[in-house]
Amino acid sequence: RADDGTAIFAMSDQKDVALEVLVTNEPSDPAEPQRDGDDAHQAQLTATLPPELPYAALRPEESGALGPVLCLANQNGSQVECELGNPLKRGAQVRFFLILSTSGITIHTSDLAVELALSTISEQPGLEPVVAHARVVLELPLSVTGVAVPPRLFFGGEVRGESAVRRESQVGSAISFEVTVSHRGQVLKTLGSAFLTLHWPHELPNGKWLLYPLNLEMGTPPVPCSPSANPLRLALVWPRGWGGW
């Protein structure tokens, strides 16, 4: 929970969450219980749910029969009406759980609110709705791996200044880094944005190039990267039999 008591859901791959509901029919002043308190006839709870959390099921406090509680939802699960007993006896407590599906939650979901409203045909002034708030944090199990081909690289040969380099063959031996980003969680129904930042030894302390980026490719079709590769616009020489640029 947050500092203000708001529930926080760290969503990963769970299919539902539980909303605990406690309804009491107790005297307003326990010190003077004889002043008020009576059976509540046709006691009912109406829960209004956000589209991100449709109703899925009812679960009692303990295993076994549900007792007097019976919940019926509308077609899209956005509203649930629960019969709490007729009557709900004076001094009674009813505790149960509304199981809500997380199927509507997307990467854009940050806050959730469920309105709970009680009603009875018995006289009961001041029955104001209660709103249960929750915040959502999405946890995506992303992983990144990388491999260098070849795994070893030896530097040598003539050292050239940047202005003297015209062709890609003059920047030294080639090395390829293959990076794979994987998402092993549930499939997202709404596309979002993910960013990968790569750091490599770009230059030496004297300002000379160390690893010069000749080509950057990501995905199929290729996704643009920034900054672009080959900033000096060197002529790329392909092996015989390859297509040219």
Protein backbone atom coordinates (compact mmCIF):
# COMPACT_ATOMS: atom_id res chain seq x y z
CA ARG A 1 0.00 0.00 0.00
CA ALA A 2 0.99 3.60 -0.57
CA ASP A 3 1.58 6.02 2.29
CA ASP A 4 -2.02 7.22 2.01
CA GLY A 5 -3.34 3.65 2.31
CA THR A 6 -4.23 3.21 -1.36
CA ALA A 7 -3.75 -0.34 -2.58
CA ILE A 8 -1.04 -0.83 -5.22
CA PHE A 9 -1.22 -3.72 -7.67
CA ALA A 10 2.09 -4.79 -9.18
CA MET A 11 0.67 -6.49 -12.26
CA SER A 12 2.68 -9.13 -14.08
CA ASP A 13 0.74 -12.16 -15.25
CA GLN A 14 -2.07 -12.65 -12.69
CA LYS A 15 -5.48 -13.06 -14.27
CA ASP A 16 -7.59 -11.57 -11.47
CA VAL A 17 -7.58 -9.62 -8.21
CA ALA A 18 -9.83 -9.86 -5.16
CA LEU A 19 -11.80 -7.00 -3.63
CA GLU A 20 -12.61 -7.70 0.02
CA VAL A 21 -16.06 -6.47 1.06
CA LEU A 22 -17.23 -6.21 4.69
CA VAL A 23 -20.83 -5.20 5.41
CA THR A 24 -22.02 -4.72 8.99
CA ASN A 25 -25.42 -4.01 10.51
CA GLU A 26 -24.37 -2.86 13.93
CA PRO A 27 -25.61 -0.08 16.24
CA SER A 28 -24.12 3.28 15.38
CA ASP A 29 -22.93 3.71 18.99
CA PRO A 30 -21.61 0.45 20.52
CA ALA A 31 -21.69 2.12 23.94
CA GLU A 32 -25.48 2.54 23.67
CA PRO A 33 -26.62 -0.33 21.44
CA GLN A 34 -30.22 0.02 22.57
CA ARG A 35 -30.64 3.42 20.89
CA ASP A 36 -30.80 2.10 17.34
CA GLY A 37 -30.11 -0.93 15.22
CA ASP A 38 -32.62 -3.25 13.59
CA ASP A 39 -32.80 -5.94 10.96
CA ALA A 40 -32.13 -4.60 7.45
CA HIS A 41 -34.71 -5.92 5.01
CA GLN A 42 -33.77 -6.55 1.37
CA ALA A 43 -30.19 -5.51 2.09
CA GLN A 44 -28.22 -5.19 -1.14
CA LEU A 45 -24.79 -4.11 -2.29
CA THR A 46 -24.28 -2.67 -5.77
CA ALA A 47 -20.69 -2.55 -7.04
CA THR A 48 -19.92 -0.39 -10.06
CA LEU A 49 -16.70 -1.53 -11.73
CA PRO A 50 -14.36 0.18 -14.19
CA PRO A 51 -14.03 -1.39 -17.66
CA GLU A 52 -10.50 -2.47 -16.76
CA LEU A 53 -11.80 -4.71 -13.94
CA PRO A 54 -14.94 -6.63 -14.98
CA TYR A 55 -16.60 -8.99 -12.50
CA ALA A 56 -15.44 -12.61 -12.66
CA ALA A 57 -16.71 -14.51 -9.62
CA LEU A 58 -17.82 -14.44 -5.98
CA ARG A 59 -15.74 -16.02 -3.23
CA PRO A 60 -16.90 -16.45 0.37
CA GLU A 61 -14.76 -15.64 3.37
CA GLU A 62 -14.30 -19.33 4.14
CA SER A 63 -14.65 -22.49 2.10
CA GLY A 64 -18.13 -23.90 1.97
CA ALA A 65 -21.55 -22.46 1.27
CA LEU A 66 -21.90 -18.78 0.43
CA GLY A 67 -24.72 -18.41 2.91
CA PRO A 68 -27.10 -15.54 2.23
CA VAL A 69 -24.83 -13.70 -0.27
CA LEU A 70 -25.79 -14.01 -3.94
CA CYS A 71 -24.22 -11.82 -6.64
CA LEU A 72 -25.46 -11.25 -10.18
CA ALA A 73 -23.56 -9.22 -12.78
CA ASN A 74 -24.73 -7.48 -15.92
CA GLN A 75 -23.64 -8.66 -19.35
CA ASN A 76 -20.28 -6.89 -19.53
CA GLY A 77 -19.47 -7.28 -15.84
CA SER A 78 -19.44 -3.53 -15.16
CA GLN A 79 -22.01 -3.76 -12.36
CA VAL A 80 -22.73 -6.40 -9.72
CA GLU A 81 -25.72 -6.62 -7.41
CA CYS A 82 -25.24 -8.73 -4.29
CA GLU A 83 -28.12 -9.85 -2.07
CA LEU A 84 -26.89 -9.76 1.54
CA GLY A 85 -29.85 -11.39 3.21
CA ASN A 86 -33.49 -10.66 3.81
CA PRO A 87 -33.22 -9.57 6.44
CA LEU A 88 -29.61 -8.85 7.35
CA LYS A 89 -29.89 -9.38 11.08
CA ARG A 90 -29.08 -6.74 13.62
CA GLY A 91 -25.44 -7.07 14.69
CA ALA A 92 -24.57 -9.22 11.65
CA GLN A 93 -21.36 -9.02 9.65
CA VAL A 94 -21.00 -10.28 6.10
CA ARG A 95 -17.55 -10.65 4.56
CA PHE A 96 -16.89 -11.86 1.01
CA PHE A 97 -14.62 -11.27 -1.96
CA LEU A 98 -15.47 -10.01 -5.43
CA ILE A 99 -13.07 -11.60 -7.91
CA LEU A 100 -12.31 -9.11 -10.68
CA SER A 101 -10.66 -9.94 -13.98
CA THR A 102 -7.58 -7.98 -15.05
CA SER A 103 -8.31 -8.62 -18.74
CA GLY A 104 -9.08 -4.96 -19.41
CA ILE A 105 -5.91 -3.54 -17.87
CA THR A 106 -3.48 -2.07 -20.39
CA ILE A 107 -0.11 -0.36 -20.10
CA HIS A 108 -2.02 2.92 -19.94
CA THR A 109 -3.93 1.91 -16.78
CA SER A 110 -2.63 3.71 -13.70
CA ASP A 111 -5.63 4.12 -11.39
CA LEU A 112 -8.74 2.06 -10.62
CA ALA A 113 -11.88 2.88 -8.67
CA VAL A 114 -14.79 0.65 -7.58
CA GLU A 115 -17.94 2.25 -6.15
CA LEU A 116 -19.80 0.27 -3.47
CA ALA A 117 -23.34 1.33 -2.61
CA LEU A 118 -25.59 -0.21 0.05
CA SER A 119 -29.38 -0.15 -0.02
CA THR A 120 -32.24 -1.47 2.10
CA ILE A 121 -35.98 -0.88 2.32
CA SER A 122 -35.54 -0.43 6.07
CA GLU A 123 -35.00 3.05 7.39
CA GLN A 124 -31.30 3.79 7.11
CA PRO A 125 -30.26 7.43 6.73
CA GLY A 126 -26.78 8.40 5.57
CA LEU A 127 -25.98 5.38 3.37
CA GLU A 128 -23.31 7.05 1.28
CA PRO A 129 -21.40 5.10 -1.41
CA VAL A 130 -17.86 4.00 -0.62
CA VAL A 131 -15.16 4.16 -3.32
CA ALA A 132 -12.28 1.68 -3.22
CA HIS A 133 -9.20 3.07 -4.98
CA ALA A 134 -6.18 1.23 -6.31
CA ARG A 135 -3.09 2.10 -8.29
CA VAL A 136 -1.57 -0.13 -10.95
CA VAL A 137 2.10 -0.75 -11.63
CA LEU A 138 2.92 -2.99 -14.58
CA GLU A 139 5.94 -5.25 -14.19
CA LEU A 140 7.17 -6.54 -17.54
CA PRO A 141 9.77 -9.34 -17.31
CA LEU A 142 12.05 -7.96 -20.00
CA SER A 143 15.52 -9.40 -20.46
CA VAL A 144 18.40 -8.43 -22.72
CA THR A 145 21.31 -10.56 -23.94
CA GLY A 146 24.20 -9.76 -26.21
CA VAL A 147 26.96 -11.55 -28.10
CA ALA A 148 29.99 -10.23 -29.97
CA VAL A 149 31.25 -11.82 -33.21
CA PRO A 150 34.16 -12.44 -33.12
CA PRO A 151 34.50 -12.58 -29.33
CA ARG A 152 38.09 -11.28 -29.55
CA LEU A 153 39.38 -8.34 -31.53
CA PHE A 154 42.97 -7.18 -31.99
CA PHE A 155 43.76 -3.57 -32.84
CA GLY A 156 46.72 -2.67 -34.98
CA GLY A 157 47.85 -1.27 -38.28
CA GLU A 158 48.23 2.30 -39.43
CA VAL A 159 46.57 4.97 -37.32
CA ARG A 160 44.65 7.41 -39.52
CA GLY A 161 43.06 10.72 -38.70
CA GLU A 162 39.36 11.16 -39.24
CA SER A 163 39.85 13.36 -42.31
CA ALA A 164 41.99 10.65 -43.98
CA VAL A 165 39.37 7.91 -43.68
CA ARG A 166 37.20 7.46 -46.78
CA ARG A 167 36.20 3.80 -46.86
CA GLU A 168 34.85 1.42 -44.26
CA SER A 169 37.83 -0.87 -44.75
CA GLN A 170 40.06 1.88 -43.30
CA VAL A 171 38.40 1.90 -39.88
CA GLY A 172 39.88 -1.45 -38.86
CA SER A 173 38.63 -4.97 -38.26
CA ALA A 174 34.89 -5.52 -38.22
CA ILE A 175 33.02 -6.71 -35.15
CA SER A 176 29.29 -7.37 -34.86
CA PHE A 177 27.23 -7.06 -31.66
CA GLU A 178 23.94 -8.93 -31.66
CA VAL A 179 21.51 -7.83 -28.95
CA THR A 180 18.25 -9.66 -28.15
CA VAL A 181 15.45 -8.22 -26.01
CA SER A 182 12.90 -10.76 -24.77
CA HIS A 183 9.54 -10.42 -23.02
CA ARG A 184 8.56 -13.65 -21.27
CA GLY A 185 5.35 -12.43 -19.68
CA GLN A 186 1.79 -12.35 -20.95
CA VAL A 187 1.14 -10.81 -24.34
CA LEU A 188 0.24 -7.12 -24.13
CA LYS A 189 -3.07 -6.25 -25.74
CA THR A 190 -2.00 -2.63 -26.19
CA LEU A 191 1.31 -1.74 -27.73
CA GLY A 192 3.56 0.52 -25.72
CA SER A 193 7.03 1.96 -26.00
CA ALA A 194 10.26 0.35 -24.90
CA PHE A 195 13.71 1.86 -25.23
CA LEU A 196 17.11 0.19 -25.24
CA THR A 197 20.21 2.29 -24.61
CA LEU A 198 23.56 0.85 -25.73
CA HIS A 199 26.94 2.10 -24.56
CA TRP A 200 30.16 1.14 -26.30
CA PRO A 201 33.79 2.42 -26.25
CA HIS A 202 33.28 5.20 -28.77
CA GLU A 203 36.66 6.93 -28.72
CA LEU A 204 40.02 7.08 -26.99
CA PRO A 205 41.07 9.81 -24.56
CA ASN A 206 42.85 11.59 -27.43
CA GLY A 207 39.59 11.82 -29.39
CA LYS A 208 40.43 9.08 -31.93
CA TRP A 209 37.71 6.62 -32.92
CA LEU A 210 37.82 3.26 -31.15
CA LEU A 211 34.63 1.49 -32.25
CA TYR A 212 33.08 3.23 -35.23
CA PRO A 213 29.36 2.39 -35.82
CA LEU A 214 29.03 1.34 -39.46
CA ASN A 215 25.52 -0.09 -39.43
CA LEU A 216 22.67 -0.33 -36.94
CA GLU A 217 19.73 -2.65 -37.60
CA MET A 218 16.88 -3.46 -35.25
CA GLY A 219 13.95 -5.76 -35.86
CA THR A 220 12.13 -6.77 -39.03
CA PRO A 221 11.32 -4.40 -40.60
CA PRO A 222 14.22 -2.34 -39.21
CA VAL A 223 13.42 0.16 -36.45
CA PRO A 224 15.30 3.48 -36.57
CA CYS A 225 18.04 4.05 -34.01
CA SER A 226 19.50 7.31 -32.77
CA PRO A 227 22.13 8.50 -33.47
CA SER A 228 22.31 7.04 -36.97
CA ALA A 229 25.20 4.79 -38.00
CA ASN A 230 28.14 5.80 -40.22
CA PRO A 231 28.22 9.49 -39.20
CA LEU A 232 31.27 10.13 -41.48
CA ARG A 233 29.37 8.71 -44.45
CA LEU A 234 32.17 6.33 -45.36
CA ALA A 235 31.92 4.32 -48.56
CA LEU A 236 30.80 0.79 -47.72
CA VAL A 237 32.55 -1.90 -49.75
CA TRP A 238 30.64 -5.19 -49.85
CA PRO A 239 32.26 -8.55 -50.57
CA ARG A 240 31.98 -9.80 -54.16
CA GLY A 241 28.55 -11.21 -54.89
CA TRP A 242 26.74 -8.94 -52.39
CA GLY A 243 24.38 -6.18 -53.42
CA GLY A 244 25.63 -2.62 -52.95
CA TRP A 245 24.07 0.49 -51.46
